[in-house]
Protein backbone atom coordinates (compact mmCIF):
# COMPACT_ATOMS: atom_id res chain seq x y z
CA MET A 1 62.38 160.89 -20.55
CA PRO A 2 59.99 161.57 -17.64
CA PHE A 3 59.92 159.12 -14.75
CA ILE A 4 57.99 158.64 -11.51
CA LEU A 5 59.80 158.96 -8.18
CA SER A 6 58.20 158.25 -4.83
CA LEU A 7 59.43 159.41 -1.45
CA ARG A 8 58.20 158.46 1.99
CA ARG A 9 58.46 160.47 5.20
CA PRO A 10 57.30 159.80 8.79
CA PHE A 11 55.81 162.40 11.10
CA VAL A 12 54.13 162.51 14.50
CA ALA A 13 51.00 164.54 15.18
CA ASP A 14 47.92 164.74 17.40
CA HIS A 15 44.36 165.30 16.31
CA PHE A 16 40.79 164.96 17.46
CA HIS A 17 37.46 164.68 15.68
CA ASP A 18 34.72 167.06 16.72
CA LEU A 19 32.34 167.38 13.80
CA PRO A 20 28.84 165.89 13.86
CA GLY A 21 28.89 162.21 13.00
CA PHE A 22 32.58 161.68 13.78
CA GLN A 23 33.87 162.52 17.24
CA GLU A 24 36.95 161.25 19.10
CA GLU A 25 39.08 162.64 21.90
CA ARG A 26 42.52 164.05 21.21
CA HIS A 27 45.04 161.34 20.38
CA GLY A 28 48.24 160.97 18.40
CA HIS A 29 49.66 158.84 15.63
CA ASN A 30 52.96 158.00 14.02
CA TRP A 31 51.87 159.06 10.54
CA GLU A 32 53.56 158.43 7.21
CA VAL A 33 53.24 160.32 3.95
CA GLU A 34 54.32 158.87 0.62
CA ALA A 35 54.11 160.76 -2.65
CA ALA A 36 54.81 159.82 -6.26
CA VAL A 37 55.73 162.66 -8.58
CA GLU A 38 56.50 162.75 -12.28
CA LEU A 39 59.91 164.31 -12.91
CA ASP A 40 61.62 165.20 -16.17
CA SER A 41 65.14 164.64 -14.85
CA GLU A 42 67.11 163.62 -11.78
CA ALA A 43 67.91 167.30 -11.27
CA GLN A 44 64.33 167.79 -10.02
CA GLU A 45 64.68 165.25 -7.20
CA PRO A 46 66.02 167.75 -4.62
CA ALA A 47 63.06 170.11 -5.24
CA PHE A 48 60.63 167.23 -4.71
CA ALA A 49 62.37 166.16 -1.50
CA ALA A 50 62.46 169.75 -0.23
CA SER A 51 58.76 170.27 -0.94
CA LEU A 52 57.73 167.05 0.80
CA ASP A 53 60.04 167.79 3.73
CA ALA A 54 58.53 171.29 4.09
CA TRP A 55 55.02 169.81 4.22
CA VAL A 56 56.09 167.27 6.86
CA LYS A 57 57.79 169.97 8.92
CA ALA A 58 54.51 171.93 9.00
CA MET A 59 52.67 168.84 10.34
CA ASP A 60 55.30 167.23 12.59
CA TYR A 61 54.63 167.40 16.35
CA ARG A 62 51.57 169.60 15.87
CA LEU A 63 47.93 169.50 16.82
CA LEU A 64 46.51 169.11 13.33
CA ASN A 65 43.16 170.69 14.25
CA ALA A 66 44.97 173.97 14.96
CA LEU A 67 46.45 174.23 11.46
CA PRO A 68 44.74 176.52 8.92
CA ALA A 69 44.87 173.70 6.34
CA CYS A 70 42.50 171.63 8.51
CA GLU A 71 40.14 174.40 9.55
CA GLY A 72 36.53 173.27 9.45
CA ARG A 73 37.39 169.64 8.71
CA ASN A 74 38.32 166.69 10.86
CA PRO A 75 42.03 166.13 10.13
CA THR A 76 41.79 162.60 8.79
CA ALA A 77 44.22 160.72 6.56
CA GLU A 78 41.99 161.66 3.63
CA VAL A 79 42.24 165.38 4.38
CA LEU A 80 45.99 165.23 4.93
CA ALA A 81 46.57 163.34 1.67
CA GLU A 82 44.63 166.00 -0.21
CA ARG A 83 46.50 168.82 1.52
CA ALA A 84 49.89 167.23 0.80
CA LEU A 85 48.96 166.75 -2.85
CA ARG A 86 47.87 170.41 -3.14
CA HIS A 87 51.13 171.50 -1.46
CA LEU A 88 53.23 169.61 -4.02
CA GLN A 89 51.17 171.06 -6.86
CA ALA A 90 51.61 174.58 -5.47
CA ASP A 91 55.38 174.00 -5.55
CA GLY A 92 55.12 173.28 -9.28
CA LEU A 93 55.39 169.50 -9.04
CA ARG A 94 53.23 166.92 -10.82
CA PRO A 95 52.09 164.39 -8.21
CA GLY A 96 50.49 161.22 -9.47
CA TRP A 97 49.28 160.39 -5.97
CA VAL A 98 49.86 161.01 -2.29
CA LYS A 99 49.20 158.42 0.40
CA VAL A 100 48.93 159.20 4.12
CA ARG A 101 49.02 156.34 6.59
CA GLU A 102 47.42 157.00 9.97
CA LYS A 103 47.73 153.48 11.38
CA ALA A 104 49.19 150.22 10.12
CA ASN A 105 45.86 149.25 8.57
CA TYR A 106 44.39 152.68 7.75
CA TRP A 107 45.53 154.92 4.93
CA ALA A 108 44.12 157.21 2.26
CA LEU A 109 45.38 157.87 -1.24
CA CYS A 110 44.62 161.07 -3.13
CA ARG A 111 45.14 161.62 -6.86
CA PRO A 112 44.92 164.89 -8.77
CA ASP A 113 41.66 165.74 -10.47
CA ALA A 114 41.19 164.33 -13.95
CA PRO A 115 41.76 166.94 -16.70
């Protein structure tokens, strides 16, 4: 029987906002990503953890603006949640949602497109 598993991982990264309408100097955050994925069995848990860990490793201690995944967009919690969701999907997983927390009171949740 399928079940939903969620995992949470912290990461640290800098970013700045330089697009019209939203500009801020370079600054950093202690971010957190949490994802919920539908799995068919416990045997799929390591693949989920590995995929999420790989995404975090690509973000951790980086300037997010310099990453190809953020090119042309301000790297906000909304953008990162979408990118993490797409990463999990590309690894063959079925995420129900991905949440990225930028600050204690600021987070964004992304769900896959409706069929």
